[in-house]
Amino acid sequence: MLLNCADRDKLRPLYFLFDDNKWLVMDPEDYAYAINWADDFGCTVAFESYPFAYFTLGTSFFRGYYAIHDMKDAKLGFVPHATSRKALNGGLETDNPEQEFSYPTKKTPEEIAAA
């Protein structure tokens, strides 16, 4: 998906919730980046659609974090690295997401397309 690079500043951070109260953030500069493809310059987002019921998180997601693999206990941990702009818990002031965000009501694909 190509978009105008000038519109990147209109994009918002994306927050991912893990383990009920652990937030990780993807800033627009993590998931929208400039490309030059077939002599066409623009920006693209680092997401793809797959017909599966899970997500694959790649390098765009991990930017700014160290990933710590605990094979013995089958856990994966994240911590911002020393020069990262990321904050622990996504920079949120609370562990309660309802205090930080308002959740949209569920809409059908038809309602979304009509908007």
PDB file of N, CA and C in Angstrom:
ATOM      1  N   MET A   1       0.838  -1.168   0.000  1.00  0.00           N
ATOM      2  CA  MET A   1       0.000   0.000   0.000  1.00  0.00           C
ATOM      3  C   MET A   1       0.889   1.238   0.000  1.00  0.00           C
ATOM      4  N   LEU A   2       0.723   2.097  -0.984  1.00  0.00           N
ATOM      5  CA  LEU A   2       1.491   3.338  -1.057  1.00  0.00           C
ATOM      6  C   LEU A   2       0.672   4.493  -0.522  1.00  0.00           C
ATOM      7  N   LEU A   3       1.359   5.400   0.155  1.00  0.00           N
ATOM      8  CA  LEU A   3       0.720   6.618   0.614  1.00  0.00           C
ATOM      9  C   LEU A   3       1.685   7.776   0.416  1.00  0.00           C
ATOM     10  N   ASN A   4       1.172   8.966   0.443  1.00  0.00           N
ATOM     11  CA  ASN A   4       1.981  10.160   0.290  1.00  0.00           C
ATOM     12  C   ASN A   4       2.834  10.321   1.552  1.00  0.00           C
ATOM     13  N   CYS A   5       4.139  10.440   1.383  1.00  0.00           N
ATOM     14  CA  CYS A   5       5.032  10.556   2.541  1.00  0.00           C
ATOM     15  C   CYS A   5       4.713  11.785   3.392  1.00  0.00           C
ATOM     16  N   ALA A   6       4.160  12.805   2.791  1.00  0.00           N
ATOM     17  CA  ALA A   6       3.786  13.997   3.560  1.00  0.00           C
ATOM     18  C   ALA A   6       2.668  13.696   4.551  1.00  0.00           C
ATOM     19  N   ASP A   7       1.944  12.612   4.329  1.00  0.00           N
ATOM     20  CA  ASP A   7       0.842  12.242   5.227  1.00  0.00           C
ATOM     21  C   ASP A   7       1.287  11.398   6.421  1.00  0.00           C
ATOM     22  N   ARG A   8       2.571  11.037   6.473  1.00  0.00           N
ATOM     23  CA  ARG A   8       3.034  10.215   7.596  1.00  0.00           C
ATOM     24  C   ARG A   8       2.813  10.881   8.945  1.00  0.00           C
ATOM     25  N   ASP A   9       2.914  12.208   8.995  1.00  0.00           N
ATOM     26  CA  ASP A   9       2.736  12.894  10.279  1.00  0.00           C
ATOM     27  C   ASP A   9       1.279  12.876  10.745  1.00  0.00           C
ATOM     28  N   LYS A  10       0.363  12.441   9.891  1.00  0.00           N
ATOM     29  CA  LYS A  10      -1.037  12.299  10.285  1.00  0.00           C
ATOM     30  C   LYS A  10      -1.322  10.940  10.924  1.00  0.00           C
ATOM     31  N   LEU A  11      -0.374  10.018  10.791  1.00  0.00           N
ATOM     32  CA  LEU A  11      -0.556   8.682  11.351  1.00  0.00           C
ATOM     33  C   LEU A  11      -0.347   8.711  12.866  1.00  0.00           C
ATOM     34  N   ARG A  12      -0.980   7.793  13.553  1.00  0.00           N
ATOM     35  CA  ARG A  12      -0.898   7.738  15.015  1.00  0.00           C
ATOM     36  C   ARG A  12      -0.106   6.512  15.465  1.00  0.00           C
ATOM     37  N   PRO A  13       0.438   6.563  16.665  1.00  0.00           N
ATOM     38  CA  PRO A  13       1.093   5.366  17.187  1.00  0.00           C
ATOM     39  C   PRO A  13       0.081   4.217  17.324  1.00  0.00           C
ATOM     40  N   LEU A  14       0.582   3.014  17.173  1.00  0.00           N
ATOM     41  CA  LEU A  14      -0.234   1.818  17.365  1.00  0.00           C
ATOM     42  C   LEU A  14       0.213   1.147  18.655  1.00  0.00           C
ATOM     43  N   TYR A  15      -0.745   0.781  19.495  1.00  0.00           N
ATOM     44  CA  TYR A  15      -0.437   0.139  20.767  1.00  0.00           C
ATOM     45  C   TYR A  15      -0.914  -1.303  20.736  1.00  0.00           C
ATOM     46  N   PHE A  16      -0.066  -2.204  21.206  1.00  0.00           N
ATOM     47  CA  PHE A  16      -0.376  -3.623  21.267  1.00  0.00           C
ATOM     48  C   PHE A  16      -0.380  -4.049  22.724  1.00  0.00           C
ATOM     49  N   LEU A  17      -1.424  -4.726  23.120  1.00  0.00           N
ATOM     50  CA  LEU A  17      -1.574  -5.172  24.503  1.00  0.00           C
ATOM     51  C   LEU A  17      -1.177  -6.637  24.611  1.00  0.00           C
ATOM     52  N   PHE A  18      -0.274  -6.923  25.539  1.00  0.00           N
ATOM     53  CA  PHE A  18       0.169  -8.284  25.820  1.00  0.00           C
ATOM     54  C   PHE A  18      -0.044  -8.573  27.295  1.00  0.00           C
ATOM     55  N   ASP A  19      -0.453  -9.764  27.588  1.00  0.00           N
ATOM     56  CA  ASP A  19      -0.523 -10.242  28.974  1.00  0.00           C
ATOM     57  C   ASP A  19      -1.332  -9.311  29.876  1.00  0.00           C
ATOM     58  N   ASP A  20      -2.442  -8.801  29.386  1.00  0.00           N
ATOM     59  CA  ASP A  20      -3.419  -7.991  30.112  1.00  0.00           C
ATOM     60  C   ASP A  20      -2.986  -6.579  30.491  1.00  0.00           C
ATOM     61  N   ASN A  21      -1.713  -6.289  30.694  1.00  0.00           N
ATOM     62  CA  ASN A  21      -1.343  -4.932  31.078  1.00  0.00           C
ATOM     63  C   ASN A  21       0.028  -4.502  30.569  1.00  0.00           C
ATOM     64  N   LYS A  22       0.550  -5.186  29.584  1.00  0.00           N
ATOM     65  CA  LYS A  22       1.859  -4.833  29.026  1.00  0.00           C
ATOM     66  C   LYS A  22       1.658  -4.284  27.625  1.00  0.00           C
ATOM     67  N   TRP A  23       1.913  -3.005  27.445  1.00  0.00           N
ATOM     68  CA  TRP A  23       1.720  -2.337  26.171  1.00  0.00           C
ATOM     69  C   TRP A  23       3.041  -2.134  25.449  1.00  0.00           C
ATOM     70  N   LEU A  24       3.064  -2.379  24.154  1.00  0.00           N
ATOM     71  CA  LEU A  24       4.193  -2.035  23.301  1.00  0.00           C
ATOM     72  C   LEU A  24       3.668  -1.106  22.215  1.00  0.00           C
ATOM     73  N   VAL A  25       4.481  -0.153  21.832  1.00  0.00           N
ATOM     74  CA  VAL A  25       4.046   0.869  20.884  1.00  0.00           C
ATOM     75  C   VAL A  25       4.840   0.765  19.587  1.00  0.00           C
ATOM     76  N   MET A  26       4.148   0.988  18.476  1.00  0.00           N
ATOM     77  CA  MET A  26       4.789   1.175  17.172  1.00  0.00           C
ATOM     78  C   MET A  26       4.496   2.606  16.752  1.00  0.00           C
ATOM     79  N   ASP A  27       5.530   3.399  16.629  1.00  0.00           N
ATOM     80  CA  ASP A  27       5.372   4.768  16.163  1.00  0.00           C
ATOM     81  C   ASP A  27       5.234   4.772  14.643  1.00  0.00           C
ATOM     82  N   PRO A  28       4.639   5.825  14.075  1.00  0.00           N
ATOM     83  CA  PRO A  28       4.482   5.877  12.615  1.00  0.00           C
ATOM     84  C   PRO A  28       5.805   5.675  11.868  1.00  0.00           C
ATOM     85  N   GLU A  29       6.904   6.195  12.390  1.00  0.00           N
ATOM     86  CA  GLU A  29       8.183   6.002  11.705  1.00  0.00           C
ATOM     87  C   GLU A  29       8.656   4.550  11.768  1.00  0.00           C
ATOM     88  N   ASP A  30       8.059   3.733  12.637  1.00  0.00           N
ATOM     89  CA  ASP A  30       8.364   2.302  12.684  1.00  0.00           C
ATOM     90  C   ASP A  30       7.620   1.531  11.596  1.00  0.00           C
ATOM     91  N   TYR A  31       6.381   1.936  11.320  1.00  0.00           N
ATOM     92  CA  TYR A  31       5.567   1.135  10.400  1.00  0.00           C
ATOM     93  C   TYR A  31       5.266   1.803   9.063  1.00  0.00           C
ATOM     94  N   ALA A  32       5.634   3.054   8.872  1.00  0.00           N
ATOM     95  CA  ALA A  32       5.457   3.724   7.578  1.00  0.00           C
ATOM     96  C   ALA A  32       6.803   4.278   7.149  1.00  0.00           C
ATOM     97  N   TYR A  33       7.280   3.829   6.023  1.00  0.00           N
ATOM     98  CA  TYR A  33       8.622   4.248   5.609  1.00  0.00           C
ATOM     99  C   TYR A  33       8.665   4.496   4.105  1.00  0.00           C
ATOM    100  N   ALA A  34       9.648   5.300   3.700  1.00  0.00           N
ATOM    101  CA  ALA A  34       9.801   5.696   2.299  1.00  0.00           C
ATOM    102  C   ALA A  34      10.408   4.561   1.485  1.00  0.00           C
ATOM    103  N   ILE A  35       9.911   4.423   0.260  1.00  0.00           N
ATOM    104  CA  ILE A  35      10.461   3.438  -0.668  1.00  0.00           C
ATOM    105  C   ILE A  35      10.579   4.066  -2.050  1.00  0.00           C
ATOM    106  N   ASN A  36      11.441   3.512  -2.860  1.00  0.00           N
ATOM    107  CA  ASN A  36      11.554   3.868  -4.261  1.00  0.00           C
ATOM    108  C   ASN A  36      11.438   2.556  -5.023  1.00  0.00           C
ATOM    109  N   TRP A  37      10.274   2.348  -5.610  1.00  0.00           N
ATOM    110  CA  TRP A  37       9.996   1.084  -6.266  1.00  0.00           C
ATOM    111  C   TRP A  37       9.561   1.339  -7.701  1.00  0.00           C
ATOM    112  N   ALA A  38      10.276   0.754  -8.632  1.00  0.00           N
ATOM    113  CA  ALA A  38       9.959   0.894 -10.055  1.00  0.00           C
ATOM    114  C   ALA A  38       9.812   2.364 -10.440  1.00  0.00           C
ATOM    115  N   ASP A  39      10.768   3.175 -10.002  1.00  0.00           N
ATOM    116  CA  ASP A  39      10.786   4.617 -10.286  1.00  0.00           C
ATOM    117  C   ASP A  39       9.564   5.353  -9.744  1.00  0.00           C
ATOM    118  N   ASP A  40       8.926   4.781  -8.753  1.00  0.00           N
ATOM    119  CA  ASP A  40       7.777   5.415  -8.109  1.00  0.00           C
ATOM    120  C   ASP A  40       8.123   5.598  -6.643  1.00  0.00           C
ATOM    121  N   PHE A  41       8.272   6.843  -6.216  1.00  0.00           N
ATOM    122  CA  PHE A  41       8.653   7.126  -4.836  1.00  0.00           C
ATOM    123  C   PHE A  41       7.401   7.359  -4.006  1.00  0.00           C
ATOM    124  N   GLY A  42       7.372   6.800  -2.829  1.00  0.00           N
ATOM    125  CA  GLY A  42       6.251   7.000  -1.922  1.00  0.00           C
ATOM    126  C   GLY A  42       6.555   6.369  -0.586  1.00  0.00           C
ATOM    127  N   CYS A  43       5.552   6.244   0.216  1.00  0.00           N
ATOM    128  CA  CYS A  43       5.695   5.576   1.508  1.00  0.00           C
ATOM    129  C   CYS A  43       4.785   4.360   1.533  1.00  0.00           C
ATOM    130  N   THR A  44       5.169   3.410   2.304  1.00  0.00           N
ATOM    131  CA  THR A  44       4.383   2.191   2.456  1.00  0.00           C
ATOM    132  C   THR A  44       4.263   1.865   3.931  1.00  0.00           C
ATOM    133  N   VAL A  45       3.306   1.041   4.258  1.00  0.00           N
ATOM    134  CA  VAL A  45       3.155   0.585   5.640  1.00  0.00           C
ATOM    135  C   VAL A  45       3.621  -0.855   5.733  1.00  0.00           C
ATOM    136  N   ALA A  46       4.121  -1.217   6.891  1.00  0.00           N
ATOM    137  CA  ALA A  46       4.722  -2.526   7.097  1.00  0.00           C
ATOM    138  C   ALA A  46       3.706  -3.547   7.600  1.00  0.00           C
ATOM    139  N   PHE A  47       2.557  -3.613   6.925  1.00  0.00           N
ATOM    140  CA  PHE A  47       1.524  -4.586   7.284  1.00  0.00           C
ATOM    141  C   PHE A  47       1.093  -5.313   6.033  1.00  0.00           C
ATOM    142  N   GLU A  48       0.813  -6.578   6.201  1.00  0.00           N
ATOM    143  CA  GLU A  48       0.279  -7.373   5.110  1.00  0.00           C
ATOM    144  C   GLU A  48      -0.925  -8.139   5.611  1.00  0.00           C
ATOM    145  N   SER A  49      -1.800  -8.429   4.710  1.00  0.00           N
ATOM    146  CA  SER A  49      -3.004  -9.193   5.042  1.00  0.00           C
ATOM    147  C   SER A  49      -2.748 -10.670   4.766  1.00  0.00           C
ATOM    148  N   TYR A  50      -3.105 -11.504   5.725  1.00  0.00           N
ATOM    149  CA  TYR A  50      -2.996 -12.948   5.571  1.00  0.00           C
ATOM    150  C   TYR A  50      -4.309 -13.587   5.994  1.00  0.00           C
ATOM    151  N   PRO A  51      -4.637 -14.728   5.458  1.00  0.00           N
ATOM    152  CA  PRO A  51      -5.903 -15.385   5.819  1.00  0.00           C
ATOM    153  C   PRO A  51      -5.793 -16.244   7.074  1.00  0.00           C
ATOM    154  N   PHE A  52      -4.951 -15.850   8.012  1.00  0.00           N
ATOM    155  CA  PHE A  52      -4.741 -16.639   9.221  1.00  0.00           C
ATOM    156  C   PHE A  52      -5.290 -15.894  10.430  1.00  0.00           C
ATOM    157  N   ALA A  53      -5.517 -16.613  11.503  1.00  0.00           N
ATOM    158  CA  ALA A  53      -6.069 -16.020  12.726  1.00  0.00           C
ATOM    159  C   ALA A  53      -4.964 -15.625  13.696  1.00  0.00           C
ATOM    160  N   TYR A  54      -3.821 -15.195  13.199  1.00  0.00           N
ATOM    161  CA  TYR A  54      -2.732 -14.736  14.059  1.00  0.00           C
ATOM    162  C   TYR A  54      -1.910 -13.694  13.314  1.00  0.00           C
ATOM    163  N   PHE A  55      -1.048 -13.023  14.051  1.00  0.00           N
ATOM    164  CA  PHE A  55      -0.188 -11.997  13.485  1.00  0.00           C
ATOM    165  C   PHE A  55       1.254 -12.475  13.523  1.00  0.00           C
ATOM    166  N   THR A  56       2.022 -12.061  12.541  1.00  0.00           N
ATOM    167  CA  THR A  56       3.460 -12.257  12.557  1.00  0.00           C
ATOM    168  C   THR A  56       4.082 -10.887  12.781  1.00  0.00           C
ATOM    169  N   LEU A  57       4.827 -10.754  13.850  1.00  0.00           N
ATOM    170  CA  LEU A  57       5.458  -9.470  14.176  1.00  0.00           C
ATOM    171  C   LEU A  57       6.888  -9.495  13.660  1.00  0.00           C
ATOM    172  N   GLY A  58       7.264  -8.495  12.889  1.00  0.00           N
ATOM    173  CA  GLY A  58       8.584  -8.471  12.273  1.00  0.00           C
ATOM    174  C   GLY A  58       9.444  -7.329  12.766  1.00  0.00           C
ATOM    175  N   THR A  59      10.429  -6.971  11.945  1.00  0.00           N
ATOM    176  CA  THR A  59      11.413  -5.968  12.355  1.00  0.00           C
ATOM    177  C   THR A  59      10.790  -4.600  12.616  1.00  0.00           C
ATOM    178  N   SER A  60       9.731  -4.263  11.906  1.00  0.00           N
ATOM    179  CA  SER A  60       9.072  -2.975  12.170  1.00  0.00           C
ATOM    180  C   SER A  60       8.533  -2.921  13.589  1.00  0.00           C
ATOM    181  N   PHE A  61       8.019  -4.028  14.053  1.00  0.00           N
ATOM    182  CA  PHE A  61       7.482  -4.088  15.411  1.00  0.00           C
ATOM    183  C   PHE A  61       8.594  -3.999  16.458  1.00  0.00           C
ATOM    184  N   PHE A  62       9.718  -4.623  16.186  1.00  0.00           N
ATOM    185  CA  PHE A  62      10.788  -4.704  17.174  1.00  0.00           C
ATOM    186  C   PHE A  62      11.688  -3.474  17.219  1.00  0.00           C
ATOM    187  N   ARG A  63      11.518  -2.519  16.336  1.00  0.00           N
ATOM    188  CA  ARG A  63      12.382  -1.329  16.351  1.00  0.00           C
ATOM    189  C   ARG A  63      12.297  -0.624  17.701  1.00  0.00           C
ATOM    190  N   GLY A  64      13.447  -0.391  18.287  1.00  0.00           N
ATOM    191  CA  GLY A  64      13.504   0.310  19.568  1.00  0.00           C
ATOM    192  C   GLY A  64      13.478  -0.612  20.779  1.00  0.00           C
ATOM    193  N   TYR A  65      13.304  -1.910  20.546  1.00  0.00           N
ATOM    194  CA  TYR A  65      13.237  -2.854  21.659  1.00  0.00           C
ATOM    195  C   TYR A  65      14.308  -3.935  21.523  1.00  0.00           C
ATOM    196  N   TYR A  66      14.762  -4.424  22.657  1.00  0.00           N
ATOM    197  CA  TYR A  66      15.479  -5.690  22.707  1.00  0.00           C
ATOM    198  C   TYR A  66      14.432  -6.762  22.924  1.00  0.00           C
ATOM    199  N   ALA A  67      14.553  -7.859  22.219  1.00  0.00           N
ATOM    200  CA  ALA A  67      13.667  -9.007  22.444  1.00  0.00           C
ATOM    201  C   ALA A  67      14.468 -10.041  23.232  1.00  0.00           C
ATOM    202  N   ILE A  68      13.912 -10.491  24.333  1.00  0.00           N
ATOM    203  CA  ILE A  68      14.585 -11.446  25.218  1.00  0.00           C
ATOM    204  C   ILE A  68      13.831 -12.765  25.137  1.00  0.00           C
ATOM    205  N   HIS A  69      14.520 -13.796  24.657  1.00  0.00           N
ATOM    206  CA  HIS A  69      13.902 -15.101  24.481  1.00  0.00           C
ATOM    207  C   HIS A  69      14.259 -16.000  25.664  1.00  0.00           C
ATOM    208  N   ASP A  70      13.263 -16.479  26.359  1.00  0.00           N
ATOM    209  CA  ASP A  70      13.443 -17.415  27.468  1.00  0.00           C
ATOM    210  C   ASP A  70      12.897 -18.765  27.016  1.00  0.00           C
ATOM    211  N   MET A  71      13.761 -19.557  26.432  1.00  0.00           N
ATOM    212  CA  MET A  71      13.336 -20.843  25.877  1.00  0.00           C
ATOM    213  C   MET A  71      12.914 -21.822  26.974  1.00  0.00           C
ATOM    214  N   LYS A  72      13.558 -21.750  28.135  1.00  0.00           N
ATOM    215  CA  LYS A  72      13.240 -22.672  29.221  1.00  0.00           C
ATOM    216  C   LYS A  72      11.791 -22.518  29.686  1.00  0.00           C
ATOM    217  N   ASP A  73      11.339 -21.278  29.866  1.00  0.00           N
ATOM    218  CA  ASP A  73       9.983 -21.030  30.348  1.00  0.00           C
ATOM    219  C   ASP A  73       9.018 -20.629  29.228  1.00  0.00           C
ATOM    220  N   ALA A  74       9.468 -20.732  27.960  1.00  0.00           N
ATOM    221  CA  ALA A  74       8.642 -20.409  26.793  1.00  0.00           C
ATOM    222  C   ALA A  74       8.043 -18.998  26.894  1.00  0.00           C
ATOM    223  N   LYS A  75       8.923 -18.010  27.147  1.00  0.00           N
ATOM    224  CA  LYS A  75       8.483 -16.620  27.260  1.00  0.00           C
ATOM    225  C   LYS A  75       9.308 -15.739  26.332  1.00  0.00           C
ATOM    226  N   LEU A  76       8.703 -14.635  25.952  1.00  0.00           N
ATOM    227  CA  LEU A  76       9.371 -13.626  25.153  1.00  0.00           C
ATOM    228  C   LEU A  76       9.162 -12.292  25.846  1.00  0.00           C
ATOM    229  N   GLY A  77      10.247 -11.586  26.121  1.00  0.00           N
ATOM    230  CA  GLY A  77      10.147 -10.301  26.795  1.00  0.00           C
ATOM    231  C   GLY A  77      10.691  -9.191  25.916  1.00  0.00           C
ATOM    232  N   PHE A  78      10.252  -7.963  26.202  1.00  0.00           N
ATOM    233  CA  PHE A  78      10.704  -6.796  25.453  1.00  0.00           C
ATOM    234  C   PHE A  78      11.146  -5.720  26.432  1.00  0.00           C
ATOM    235  N   VAL A  79      12.191  -5.002  26.072  1.00  0.00           N
ATOM    236  CA  VAL A  79      12.640  -3.865  26.858  1.00  0.00           C
ATOM    237  C   VAL A  79      13.233  -2.845  25.887  1.00  0.00           C
ATOM    238  N   PRO A  80      12.955  -1.552  26.074  1.00  0.00           N
ATOM    239  CA  PRO A  80      13.559  -0.546  25.187  1.00  0.00           C
ATOM    240  C   PRO A  80      15.082  -0.567  25.324  1.00  0.00           C
ATOM    241  N   HIS A  81      15.787  -0.451  24.205  1.00  0.00           N
ATOM    242  CA  HIS A  81      17.255  -0.407  24.293  1.00  0.00           C
ATOM    243  C   HIS A  81      17.709   0.990  24.708  1.00  0.00           C
ATOM    244  N   ALA A  82      18.984   1.136  24.997  1.00  0.00           N
ATOM    245  CA  ALA A  82      19.523   2.346  25.623  1.00  0.00           C
ATOM    246  C   ALA A  82      19.280   3.617  24.811  1.00  0.00           C
ATOM    247  N   THR A  83      19.276   3.549  23.487  1.00  0.00           N
ATOM    248  CA  THR A  83      19.084   4.749  22.673  1.00  0.00           C
ATOM    249  C   THR A  83      17.674   4.838  22.090  1.00  0.00           C
ATOM    250  N   SER A  84      16.788   4.003  22.561  1.00  0.00           N
ATOM    251  CA  SER A  84      15.421   3.969  22.053  1.00  0.00           C
ATOM    252  C   SER A  84      14.610   5.152  22.568  1.00  0.00           C
ATOM    253  N   ARG A  85      13.682   5.627  21.725  1.00  0.00           N
ATOM    254  CA  ARG A  85      12.727   6.649  22.167  1.00  0.00           C
ATOM    255  C   ARG A  85      11.532   6.004  22.857  1.00  0.00           C
ATOM    256  N   LYS A  86      11.492   4.678  22.863  1.00  0.00           N
ATOM    257  CA  LYS A  86      10.354   3.959  23.443  1.00  0.00           C
ATOM    258  C   LYS A  86      10.452   3.989  24.967  1.00  0.00           C
ATOM    259  N   ALA A  87       9.311   3.888  25.600  1.00  0.00           N
ATOM    260  CA  ALA A  87       9.251   3.854  27.060  1.00  0.00           C
ATOM    261  C   ALA A  87       8.704   2.509  27.507  1.00  0.00           C
ATOM    262  N   LEU A  88       9.013   2.147  28.729  1.00  0.00           N
ATOM    263  CA  LEU A  88       8.418   0.927  29.272  1.00  0.00           C
ATOM    264  C   LEU A  88       6.908   1.065  29.279  1.00  0.00           C
ATOM    265  N   ASN A  89       6.240  -0.011  29.038  1.00  0.00           N
ATOM    266  CA  ASN A  89       4.777  -0.081  28.982  1.00  0.00           C
ATOM    267  C   ASN A  89       4.203   0.900  27.962  1.00  0.00           C
ATOM    268  N   GLY A  90       4.920   1.098  26.849  1.00  0.00           N
ATOM    269  CA  GLY A  90       4.413   1.930  25.768  1.00  0.00           C
ATOM    270  C   GLY A  90       4.291   3.402  26.111  1.00  0.00           C
ATOM    271  N   GLY A  91       4.858   3.826  27.238  1.00  0.00           N
ATOM    272  CA  GLY A  91       4.761   5.216  27.652  1.00  0.00           C
ATOM    273  C   GLY A  91       3.428   5.566  28.280  1.00  0.00           C
ATOM    274  N   LEU A  92       2.597   4.553  28.538  1.00  0.00           N
ATOM    275  CA  LEU A  92       1.290   4.811  29.134  1.00  0.00           C
ATOM    276  C   LEU A  92       1.434   5.082  30.621  1.00  0.00           C
ATOM    277  N   GLU A  93       0.596   5.930  31.125  1.00  0.00           N
ATOM    278  CA  GLU A  93       0.652   6.315  32.534  1.00  0.00           C
ATOM    279  C   GLU A  93      -0.039   5.311  33.452  1.00  0.00           C
ATOM    280  N   THR A  94      -0.785   4.406  32.886  1.00  0.00           N
ATOM    281  CA  THR A  94      -1.554   3.466  33.688  1.00  0.00           C
ATOM    282  C   THR A  94      -1.508   2.088  33.066  1.00  0.00           C
ATOM    283  N   ASP A  95      -1.771   1.072  33.849  1.00  0.00           N
ATOM    284  CA  ASP A  95      -1.887  -0.277  33.319  1.00  0.00           C
ATOM    285  C   ASP A  95      -3.313  -0.581  32.886  1.00  0.00           C
ATOM    286  N   ASN A  96      -4.232   0.348  33.118  1.00  0.00           N
ATOM    287  CA  ASN A  96      -5.627   0.147  32.777  1.00  0.00           C
ATOM    288  C   ASN A  96      -5.903   0.817  31.426  1.00  0.00           C
ATOM    289  N   PRO A  97      -6.035   0.026  30.353  1.00  0.00           N
ATOM    290  CA  PRO A  97      -6.202   0.631  29.033  1.00  0.00           C
ATOM    291  C   PRO A  97      -7.470   1.455  28.907  1.00  0.00           C
ATOM    292  N   GLU A  98      -8.496   1.153  29.687  1.00  0.00           N
ATOM    293  CA  GLU A  98      -9.736   1.919  29.585  1.00  0.00           C
ATOM    294  C   GLU A  98      -9.549   3.360  30.057  1.00  0.00           C
ATOM    295  N   GLN A  99      -8.532   3.616  30.870  1.00  0.00           N
ATOM    296  CA  GLN A  99      -8.253   4.984  31.302  1.00  0.00           C
ATOM    297  C   GLN A  99      -7.493   5.761  30.234  1.00  0.00           C
ATOM    298  N   GLU A 100      -6.834   5.066  29.326  1.00  0.00           N
ATOM    299  CA  GLU A 100      -6.016   5.718  28.305  1.00  0.00           C
ATOM    300  C   GLU A 100      -6.721   5.832  26.951  1.00  0.00           C
ATOM    301  N   PHE A 101      -7.574   4.880  26.628  1.00  0.00           N
ATOM    302  CA  PHE A 101      -8.166   4.810  25.298  1.00  0.00           C
ATOM    303  C   PHE A 101      -9.663   4.680  25.375  1.00  0.00           C
ATOM    304  N   SER A 102     -10.313   5.136  24.358  1.00  0.00           N
ATOM    305  CA  SER A 102     -11.727   4.807  24.200  1.00  0.00           C
ATOM    306  C   SER A 102     -11.791   3.803  23.060  1.00  0.00           C
ATOM    307  N   TYR A 103     -12.520   2.752  23.245  1.00  0.00           N
ATOM    308  CA  TYR A 103     -12.617   1.699  22.247  1.00  0.00           C
ATOM    309  C   TYR A 103     -13.798   1.972  21.331  1.00  0.00           C
ATOM    310  N   PRO A 104     -13.594   1.860  20.028  1.00  0.00           N
ATOM    311  CA  PRO A 104     -14.723   2.070  19.112  1.00  0.00           C
ATOM    312  C   PRO A 104     -15.705   0.910  19.216  1.00  0.00           C
ATOM    313  N   THR A 105     -16.927   1.192  18.865  1.00  0.00           N
ATOM    314  CA  THR A 105     -17.905   0.110  18.823  1.00  0.00           C
ATOM    315  C   THR A 105     -17.597  -0.761  17.621  1.00  0.00           C
ATOM    316  N   LYS A 106     -18.001  -2.008  17.699  1.00  0.00           N
ATOM    317  CA  LYS A 106     -17.769  -2.907  16.574  1.00  0.00           C
ATOM    318  C   LYS A 106     -18.681  -2.524  15.422  1.00  0.00           C
ATOM    319  N   LYS A 107     -18.075  -2.436  14.243  1.00  0.00           N
ATOM    320  CA  LYS A 107     -18.831  -2.092  13.055  1.00  0.00           C
ATOM    321  C   LYS A 107     -18.701  -3.227  12.045  1.00  0.00           C
ATOM    322  N   THR A 108     -19.714  -3.361  11.250  1.00  0.00           N
ATOM    323  CA  THR A 108     -19.664  -4.359  10.175  1.00  0.00           C
ATOM    324  C   THR A 108     -18.783  -3.824   9.062  1.00  0.00           C
ATOM    325  N   PRO A 109     -18.266  -4.711   8.198  1.00  0.00           N
ATOM    326  CA  PRO A 109     -17.471  -4.232   7.057  1.00  0.00           C
ATOM    327  C   PRO A 109     -18.238  -3.239   6.180  1.00  0.00           C
ATOM    328  N   GLU A 110     -19.560  -3.412   6.083  1.00  0.00           N
ATOM    329  CA  GLU A 110     -20.368  -2.507   5.286  1.00  0.00           C
ATOM    330  C   GLU A 110     -20.394  -1.109   5.910  1.00  0.00           C
ATOM    331  N   GLU A 111     -20.514  -1.050   7.224  1.00  0.00           N
ATOM    332  CA  GLU A 111     -20.523   0.249   7.926  1.00  0.00           C
ATOM    333  C   GLU A 111     -19.181   0.949   7.786  1.00  0.00           C
ATOM    334  N   ILE A 112     -18.098   0.187   7.844  1.00  0.00           N
ATOM    335  CA  ILE A 112     -16.757   0.761   7.696  1.00  0.00           C
ATOM    336  C   ILE A 112     -16.580   1.303   6.279  1.00  0.00           C
ATOM    337  N   ALA A 113     -17.015   0.523   5.270  1.00  0.00           N
ATOM    338  CA  ALA A 113     -16.872   0.949   3.876  1.00  0.00           C
ATOM    339  C   ALA A 113     -17.707   2.183   3.576  1.00  0.00           C
ATOM    340  N   ALA A 114     -18.852   2.317   4.247  1.00  0.00           N
ATOM    341  CA  ALA A 114     -19.722   3.456   4.007  1.00  0.00           C
ATOM    342  C   ALA A 114     -19.225   4.739   4.658  1.00  0.00           C
ATOM    343  N   ALA A 115     -18.338   4.615   5.653  1.00  0.00           N
ATOM    344  CA  ALA A 115     -17.866   5.780   6.395  1.00  0.00           C
ATOM    345  C   ALA A 115     -16.945   6.653   5.577  1.00  0.00           C
TER     346      ALA A 115
END
